[in-house]
Amino acid sequence: MIVLFLAVICLVLMALLYHYMPSRKVFYFFTLSLVLTACVAYFANQVRTEEPVLTEAEKYEIQIQQKIFMDWYALYQKKIDQLDRHWQWYHAIAEDFQEGSIDLQTAYLRFKQLEEDSRLLRDQVREMAPPEAMHDPCYDLMIEIIKKTNVYAEAQLRTIILSRAVIDPVHLQTDDPAEQRQSLRDVMIKESPVGLFTANEISQIRNYLTIPETTISQNESSPVS
């Protein structure tokens, strides 16, 4: 009913325009433009609302890519968990030293051990690479994730190295414990890395690897009665 009502209104308006418009050429040009605009809008809407169609072979290929990505991501997540543990350990050492729970020598030795572990982890992150079987553009997004992780791991290691250096008993700049704690705080404030933000890349990969709900099989046929 609404469509019919709108159609009647359009016809009435067109009749009024035809009657009152001084030039018939202008009227015909206006009407043609209106019809063309409506056609373009209709077909554009059809293209936007059309559900993606995949064959069984395409669906299977996406499933293979999903498996490749998830296997890689499981290994990647282990490295992220290690980076998080190292950073928590770093803050635990720093806080214990600031609160006087441990002395300078103990804090130094713990930082030194953490530095060795973090250097090893940084090297492992550097060696990470996307599986060669991964298709574009997911491969490129995974490269970007690795680049960001490399930058973060390097910044984390640098902060640990500098923190260990400012409380090195052999090369202390001051014997005042308060100044030693302040030197460590300065390193923490100036050198601590910003967060590792890869959610956007991971979200894009998951979108690429999502199978649309509406798909069609090459073997599908109409039901036979």
C-alpha atoms as a PDB file:
ATOM      1  CA  MET A   1       0.000   0.000   0.000  1.00  0.00           C
ATOM      2  CA  ILE A   2       2.805   2.396   0.850  1.00  0.00           C
ATOM      3  CA  VAL A   3       4.514   1.780  -2.500  1.00  0.00           C
ATOM      4  CA  LEU A   4       1.222   2.330  -4.345  1.00  0.00           C
ATOM      5  CA  PHE A   5       0.570   5.532  -2.385  1.00  0.00           C
ATOM      6  CA  LEU A   6       4.046   6.864  -3.221  1.00  0.00           C
ATOM      7  CA  ALA A   7       3.581   5.954  -6.864  1.00  0.00           C
ATOM      8  CA  VAL A   8       0.298   7.902  -7.005  1.00  0.00           C
ATOM      9  CA  ILE A   9       1.955  10.933  -5.425  1.00  0.00           C
ATOM     10  CA  CYS A  10       4.811  10.754  -7.957  1.00  0.00           C
ATOM     11  CA  LEU A  11       2.341  10.605 -10.850  1.00  0.00           C
ATOM     12  CA  VAL A  12       0.417  13.595  -9.501  1.00  0.00           C
ATOM     13  CA  LEU A  13       3.615  15.596  -9.071  1.00  0.00           C
ATOM     14  CA  MET A  14       4.789  14.680 -12.561  1.00  0.00           C
ATOM     15  CA  ALA A  15       1.430  15.777 -13.984  1.00  0.00           C
ATOM     16  CA  LEU A  16       1.701  19.108 -12.189  1.00  0.00           C
ATOM     17  CA  LEU A  17       5.231  19.596 -13.458  1.00  0.00           C
ATOM     18  CA  TYR A  18       4.131  18.776 -16.995  1.00  0.00           C
ATOM     19  CA  HIS A  19       1.307  21.275 -16.756  1.00  0.00           C
ATOM     20  CA  TYR A  20       3.185  24.160 -15.182  1.00  0.00           C
ATOM     21  CA  MET A  21       6.694  23.742 -16.587  1.00  0.00           C
ATOM     22  CA  PRO A  22       7.104  26.268 -19.419  1.00  0.00           C
ATOM     23  CA  SER A  23       9.378  24.071 -21.553  1.00  0.00           C
ATOM     24  CA  ARG A  24       8.460  20.536 -22.515  1.00  0.00           C
ATOM     25  CA  LYS A  25      12.128  19.788 -23.297  1.00  0.00           C
ATOM     26  CA  VAL A  26      13.108  20.715 -19.756  1.00  0.00           C
ATOM     27  CA  PHE A  27      10.353  18.480 -18.423  1.00  0.00           C
ATOM     28  CA  TYR A  28      11.456  15.503 -20.523  1.00  0.00           C
ATOM     29  CA  PHE A  29      15.095  16.042 -19.558  1.00  0.00           C
ATOM     30  CA  PHE A  30      14.154  16.264 -15.871  1.00  0.00           C
ATOM     31  CA  THR A  31      12.027  13.105 -16.097  1.00  0.00           C
ATOM     32  CA  LEU A  32      14.795  11.172 -17.863  1.00  0.00           C
ATOM     33  CA  SER A  33      17.350  12.261 -15.254  1.00  0.00           C
ATOM     34  CA  LEU A  34      15.013  11.201 -12.465  1.00  0.00           C
ATOM     35  CA  VAL A  35      14.448   7.766 -14.020  1.00  0.00           C
ATOM     36  CA  LEU A  36      18.170   7.210 -14.595  1.00  0.00           C
ATOM     37  CA  THR A  37      18.977   8.223 -11.021  1.00  0.00           C
ATOM     38  CA  ALA A  38      16.368   5.809  -9.682  1.00  0.00           C
ATOM     39  CA  CYS A  39      17.756   2.982 -11.828  1.00  0.00           C
ATOM     40  CA  VAL A  40      21.327   3.609 -10.697  1.00  0.00           C
ATOM     41  CA  ALA A  41      20.258   3.726  -7.029  1.00  0.00           C
ATOM     42  CA  TYR A  42      18.265   0.498  -7.412  1.00  0.00           C
ATOM     43  CA  PHE A  43      21.040  -1.504  -9.051  1.00  0.00           C
ATOM     44  CA  ALA A  44      23.674  -0.135  -6.668  1.00  0.00           C
ATOM     45  CA  ASN A  45      21.538  -1.288  -3.760  1.00  0.00           C
ATOM     46  CA  GLN A  46      21.182  -4.710  -5.364  1.00  0.00           C
ATOM     47  CA  VAL A  47      24.968  -5.032  -5.613  1.00  0.00           C
ATOM     48  CA  ARG A  48      25.443  -4.000  -1.979  1.00  0.00           C
ATOM     49  CA  THR A  49      22.851  -6.402  -0.604  1.00  0.00           C
ATOM     50  CA  GLU A  50      23.824  -9.398  -2.720  1.00  0.00           C
ATOM     51  CA  GLU A  51      25.223 -12.163  -0.520  1.00  0.00           C
ATOM     52  CA  PRO A  52      28.709 -13.451  -1.387  1.00  0.00           C
ATOM     53  CA  VAL A  53      28.641 -16.806  -3.103  1.00  0.00           C
ATOM     54  CA  LEU A  54      31.386 -19.379  -2.611  1.00  0.00           C
ATOM     55  CA  THR A  55      31.902 -22.762  -4.171  1.00  0.00           C
ATOM     56  CA  GLU A  56      32.812 -25.788  -2.070  1.00  0.00           C
ATOM     57  CA  ALA A  57      36.389 -25.552  -3.380  1.00  0.00           C
ATOM     58  CA  GLU A  58      36.658 -21.911  -2.269  1.00  0.00           C
ATOM     59  CA  LYS A  59      35.163 -22.775   1.109  1.00  0.00           C
ATOM     60  CA  TYR A  60      37.666 -25.599   1.553  1.00  0.00           C
ATOM     61  CA  GLU A  61      40.571 -23.290   0.658  1.00  0.00           C
ATOM     62  CA  ILE A  62      39.480 -20.788   3.302  1.00  0.00           C
ATOM     63  CA  GLN A  63      39.303 -23.583   5.869  1.00  0.00           C
ATOM     64  CA  ILE A  64      42.872 -24.581   5.008  1.00  0.00           C
ATOM     65  CA  GLN A  65      43.986 -20.962   5.411  1.00  0.00           C
ATOM     66  CA  GLN A  66      42.184 -20.790   8.762  1.00  0.00           C
ATOM     67  CA  LYS A  67      44.111 -23.839   9.985  1.00  0.00           C
ATOM     68  CA  ILE A  68      47.447 -22.402   8.807  1.00  0.00           C
ATOM     69  CA  PHE A  69      46.785 -19.090  10.540  1.00  0.00           C
ATOM     70  CA  MET A  70      45.569 -20.605  13.803  1.00  0.00           C
ATOM     71  CA  ASP A  71      48.639 -22.879  14.050  1.00  0.00           C
ATOM     72  CA  TRP A  72      50.909 -19.872  13.488  1.00  0.00           C
ATOM     73  CA  TYR A  73      48.924 -17.684  15.856  1.00  0.00           C
ATOM     74  CA  ALA A  74      49.175 -20.267  18.659  1.00  0.00           C
ATOM     75  CA  LEU A  75      52.982 -20.120  18.436  1.00  0.00           C
ATOM     76  CA  TYR A  76      52.913 -16.324  18.174  1.00  0.00           C
ATOM     77  CA  GLN A  77      50.703 -16.045  21.265  1.00  0.00           C
ATOM     78  CA  LYS A  78      53.245 -18.048  23.260  1.00  0.00           C
ATOM     79  CA  LYS A  79      55.873 -15.407  22.441  1.00  0.00           C
ATOM     80  CA  ILE A  80      53.480 -12.654  23.499  1.00  0.00           C
ATOM     81  CA  ASP A  81      52.834 -14.443  26.779  1.00  0.00           C
ATOM     82  CA  GLN A  82      56.598 -14.658  27.359  1.00  0.00           C
ATOM     83  CA  LEU A  83      57.002 -10.941  26.647  1.00  0.00           C
ATOM     84  CA  ASP A  84      54.243 -10.201  29.151  1.00  0.00           C
ATOM     85  CA  ARG A  85      55.864 -12.399  31.805  1.00  0.00           C
ATOM     86  CA  HIS A  86      59.231 -10.713  31.293  1.00  0.00           C
ATOM     87  CA  TRP A  87      57.649  -7.291  31.637  1.00  0.00           C
ATOM     88  CA  GLN A  88      55.821  -8.314  34.818  1.00  0.00           C
ATOM     89  CA  TRP A  89      59.098  -9.659  36.182  1.00  0.00           C
ATOM     90  CA  TYR A  90      60.838  -6.406  35.290  1.00  0.00           C
ATOM     91  CA  HIS A  91      58.298  -4.357  37.241  1.00  0.00           C
ATOM     92  CA  ALA A  92      58.422  -6.770  40.183  1.00  0.00           C
ATOM     93  CA  ILE A  93      62.207  -6.351  40.445  1.00  0.00           C
ATOM     94  CA  ALA A  94      61.980  -2.565  40.128  1.00  0.00           C
ATOM     95  CA  GLU A  95      59.209  -2.296  42.719  1.00  0.00           C
ATOM     96  CA  ASP A  96      61.026  -4.546  45.185  1.00  0.00           C
ATOM     97  CA  PHE A  97      64.141  -2.400  44.855  1.00  0.00           C
ATOM     98  CA  GLN A  98      62.196   0.851  45.200  1.00  0.00           C
ATOM     99  CA  GLU A  99      60.457  -0.434  48.348  1.00  0.00           C
ATOM    100  CA  GLY A 100      63.694  -1.746  49.863  1.00  0.00           C
ATOM    101  CA  SER A 101      62.570  -5.393  49.774  1.00  0.00           C
ATOM    102  CA  ILE A 102      65.789  -6.295  47.948  1.00  0.00           C
ATOM    103  CA  ASP A 103      69.189  -4.621  47.949  1.00  0.00           C
ATOM    104  CA  LEU A 104      71.022  -3.165  44.976  1.00  0.00           C
ATOM    105  CA  GLN A 105      73.159  -6.252  44.369  1.00  0.00           C
ATOM    106  CA  THR A 106      70.110  -8.553  44.271  1.00  0.00           C
ATOM    107  CA  ALA A 107      68.212  -6.217  41.949  1.00  0.00           C
ATOM    108  CA  TYR A 108      71.239  -6.035  39.659  1.00  0.00           C
ATOM    109  CA  LEU A 109      71.604  -9.829  39.452  1.00  0.00           C
ATOM    110  CA  ARG A 110      67.877 -10.268  38.749  1.00  0.00           C
ATOM    111  CA  PHE A 111      67.958  -7.625  36.022  1.00  0.00           C
ATOM    112  CA  LYS A 112      71.005  -9.334  34.532  1.00  0.00           C
ATOM    113  CA  GLN A 113      69.210 -12.689  34.370  1.00  0.00           C
ATOM    114  CA  LEU A 114      66.100 -11.036  32.926  1.00  0.00           C
ATOM    115  CA  GLU A 115      68.266  -9.318  30.323  1.00  0.00           C
ATOM    116  CA  GLU A 116      69.686 -12.657  29.167  1.00  0.00           C
ATOM    117  CA  ASP A 117      66.231 -14.224  28.923  1.00  0.00           C
ATOM    118  CA  SER A 118      64.813 -11.195  27.113  1.00  0.00           C
ATOM    119  CA  ARG A 119      67.678 -11.114  24.637  1.00  0.00           C
ATOM    120  CA  LEU A 120      67.017 -14.754  23.777  1.00  0.00           C
ATOM    121  CA  LEU A 121      63.297 -14.057  23.363  1.00  0.00           C
ATOM    122  CA  ARG A 122      64.014 -10.982  21.212  1.00  0.00           C
ATOM    123  CA  ASP A 123      66.113 -13.152  18.901  1.00  0.00           C
ATOM    124  CA  GLN A 124      63.303 -15.715  18.662  1.00  0.00           C
ATOM    125  CA  VAL A 125      60.815 -13.011  17.738  1.00  0.00           C
ATOM    126  CA  ARG A 126      63.186 -11.769  15.040  1.00  0.00           C
ATOM    127  CA  GLU A 127      63.171 -15.214  13.468  1.00  0.00           C
ATOM    128  CA  MET A 128      59.392 -15.378  13.229  1.00  0.00           C
ATOM    129  CA  ALA A 129      57.836 -15.334   9.744  1.00  0.00           C
ATOM    130  CA  PRO A 130      54.393 -15.994   8.257  1.00  0.00           C
ATOM    131  CA  PRO A 131      53.891 -19.445   6.712  1.00  0.00           C
ATOM    132  CA  GLU A 132      54.680 -19.359   2.996  1.00  0.00           C
ATOM    133  CA  ALA A 133      51.361 -21.078   2.254  1.00  0.00           C
ATOM    134  CA  MET A 134      49.462 -18.076   3.624  1.00  0.00           C
ATOM    135  CA  HIS A 135      47.751 -16.083   0.899  1.00  0.00           C
ATOM    136  CA  ASP A 136      47.745 -12.323   0.398  1.00  0.00           C
ATOM    137  CA  PRO A 137      46.598 -10.049   1.938  1.00  0.00           C
ATOM    138  CA  CYS A 138      46.741 -12.102   5.166  1.00  0.00           C
ATOM    139  CA  TYR A 139      50.459 -12.730   4.610  1.00  0.00           C
ATOM    140  CA  ASP A 140      51.142  -8.981   4.481  1.00  0.00           C
ATOM    141  CA  LEU A 141      49.102  -8.380   7.631  1.00  0.00           C
ATOM    142  CA  MET A 142      51.057 -11.072   9.450  1.00  0.00           C
ATOM    143  CA  ILE A 143      54.295  -9.391   8.365  1.00  0.00           C
ATOM    144  CA  GLU A 144      53.016  -6.164   9.926  1.00  0.00           C
ATOM    145  CA  ILE A 145      52.182  -7.981  13.172  1.00  0.00           C
ATOM    146  CA  ILE A 146      55.716  -9.404  13.327  1.00  0.00           C
ATOM    147  CA  LYS A 147      57.269  -5.987  12.635  1.00  0.00           C
ATOM    148  CA  LYS A 148      55.326  -4.419  15.510  1.00  0.00           C
ATOM    149  CA  THR A 149      56.261  -7.281  17.818  1.00  0.00           C
ATOM    150  CA  ASN A 150      59.939  -6.930  16.890  1.00  0.00           C
ATOM    151  CA  VAL A 151      59.864  -3.226  17.725  1.00  0.00           C
ATOM    152  CA  TYR A 152      58.185  -3.936  21.057  1.00  0.00           C
ATOM    153  CA  ALA A 153      60.585  -6.753  22.019  1.00  0.00           C
ATOM    154  CA  GLU A 154      63.581  -4.561  21.138  1.00  0.00           C
ATOM    155  CA  ALA A 155      62.246  -1.638  23.212  1.00  0.00           C
ATOM    156  CA  GLN A 156      61.551  -3.936  26.156  1.00  0.00           C
ATOM    157  CA  LEU A 157      65.078  -5.346  26.056  1.00  0.00           C
ATOM    158  CA  ARG A 158      66.583  -1.847  25.836  1.00  0.00           C
ATOM    159  CA  THR A 159      64.683  -0.764  28.958  1.00  0.00           C
ATOM    160  CA  ILE A 160      65.927  -3.796  30.873  1.00  0.00           C
ATOM    161  CA  ILE A 161      69.536  -3.216  29.760  1.00  0.00           C
ATOM    162  CA  LEU A 162      69.486   0.436  30.816  1.00  0.00           C
ATOM    163  CA  SER A 163      67.821  -0.417  34.128  1.00  0.00           C
ATOM    164  CA  ARG A 164      70.492  -2.986  34.886  1.00  0.00           C
ATOM    165  CA  ALA A 165      73.222  -0.506  33.899  1.00  0.00           C
ATOM    166  CA  VAL A 166      72.128   2.315  36.255  1.00  0.00           C
ATOM    167  CA  ILE A 167      72.370   0.008  39.295  1.00  0.00           C
ATOM    168  CA  ASP A 168      75.519  -1.823  38.218  1.00  0.00           C
ATOM    169  CA  PRO A 169      77.573  -1.941  41.473  1.00  0.00           C
ATOM    170  CA  VAL A 170      80.804  -1.558  39.519  1.00  0.00           C
ATOM    171  CA  HIS A 171      79.735   1.575  37.657  1.00  0.00           C
ATOM    172  CA  LEU A 172      77.451   3.377  40.092  1.00  0.00           C
ATOM    173  CA  GLN A 173      77.134   7.125  39.598  1.00  0.00           C
ATOM    174  CA  THR A 174      76.193   7.676  43.253  1.00  0.00           C
ATOM    175  CA  ASP A 175      76.324   5.898  46.618  1.00  0.00           C
ATOM    176  CA  ASP A 176      73.059   7.471  47.755  1.00  0.00           C
ATOM    177  CA  PRO A 177      70.283   4.795  47.697  1.00  0.00           C
ATOM    178  CA  ALA A 178      67.622   7.469  47.077  1.00  0.00           C
ATOM    179  CA  GLU A 179      69.480   8.730  44.007  1.00  0.00           C
ATOM    180  CA  GLN A 180      69.962   5.156  42.784  1.00  0.00           C
ATOM    181  CA  ARG A 181      66.215   4.553  43.042  1.00  0.00           C
ATOM    182  CA  GLN A 182      65.527   7.823  41.253  1.00  0.00           C
ATOM    183  CA  SER A 183      67.901   6.847  38.427  1.00  0.00           C
ATOM    184  CA  LEU A 184      65.973   3.616  37.965  1.00  0.00           C
ATOM    185  CA  ARG A 185      62.644   5.472  37.993  1.00  0.00           C
ATOM    186  CA  ASP A 186      63.961   7.829  35.320  1.00  0.00           C
ATOM    187  CA  VAL A 187      64.824   4.893  33.050  1.00  0.00           C
ATOM    188  CA  MET A 188      61.411   3.330  33.607  1.00  0.00           C
ATOM    189  CA  ILE A 189      59.623   6.578  32.730  1.00  0.00           C
ATOM    190  CA  LYS A 190      61.725   7.502  29.707  1.00  0.00           C
ATOM    191  CA  GLU A 191      62.443   4.118  28.150  1.00  0.00           C
ATOM    192  CA  SER A 192      59.443   1.876  28.846  1.00  0.00           C
ATOM    193  CA  PRO A 193      57.910   0.799  25.515  1.00  0.00           C
ATOM    194  CA  VAL A 194      54.417   1.754  24.471  1.00  0.00           C
ATOM    195  CA  GLY A 195      51.874  -1.043  24.205  1.00  0.00           C
ATOM    196  CA  LEU A 196      51.864  -3.642  21.463  1.00  0.00           C
ATOM    197  CA  PHE A 197      48.774  -2.956  19.349  1.00  0.00           C
ATOM    198  CA  THR A 198      48.019  -5.657  16.766  1.00  0.00           C
ATOM    199  CA  ALA A 199      44.253  -6.028  17.244  1.00  0.00           C
ATOM    200  CA  ASN A 200      43.475  -4.239  13.971  1.00  0.00           C
ATOM    201  CA  GLU A 201      45.644  -6.565  11.860  1.00  0.00           C
ATOM    202  CA  ILE A 202      44.334  -9.678  13.590  1.00  0.00           C
ATOM    203  CA  SER A 203      40.738  -8.510  13.122  1.00  0.00           C
ATOM    204  CA  GLN A 204      41.345  -7.944   9.405  1.00  0.00           C
ATOM    205  CA  ILE A 205      42.845 -11.423   9.019  1.00  0.00           C
ATOM    206  CA  ARG A 206      39.861 -12.996  10.745  1.00  0.00           C
ATOM    207  CA  ASN A 207      37.502 -11.072   8.479  1.00  0.00           C
ATOM    208  CA  TYR A 208      39.343 -12.329   5.394  1.00  0.00           C
ATOM    209  CA  LEU A 209      39.164 -15.888   6.682  1.00  0.00           C
ATOM    210  CA  THR A 210      35.470 -15.810   7.584  1.00  0.00           C
ATOM    211  CA  ILE A 211      33.247 -17.993   5.425  1.00  0.00           C
ATOM    212  CA  PRO A 212      29.991 -16.169   4.532  1.00  0.00           C
ATOM    213  CA  GLU A 213      26.865 -17.828   5.871  1.00  0.00           C
ATOM    214  CA  THR A 214      25.330 -18.017   2.393  1.00  0.00           C
ATOM    215  CA  THR A 215      27.423 -20.175   0.056  1.00  0.00           C
ATOM    216  CA  ILE A 216      26.657 -22.409  -2.871  1.00  0.00           C
ATOM    217  CA  SER A 217      28.180 -25.717  -3.756  1.00  0.00           C
ATOM    218  CA  GLN A 218      29.263 -26.670  -7.235  1.00  0.00           C
ATOM    219  CA  ASN A 219      27.357 -29.909  -6.686  1.00  0.00           C
ATOM    220  CA  GLU A 220      24.129 -28.322  -5.426  1.00  0.00           C
ATOM    221  CA  SER A 221      21.057 -28.901  -7.588  1.00  0.00           C
ATOM    222  CA  SER A 222      17.320 -28.410  -7.359  1.00  0.00           C
ATOM    223  CA  PRO A 223      15.430 -31.026  -5.338  1.00  0.00           C
ATOM    224  CA  VAL A 224      14.129 -33.880  -7.417  1.00  0.00           C
ATOM    225  CA  SER A 225      10.500 -34.858  -6.721  1.00  0.00           C
END
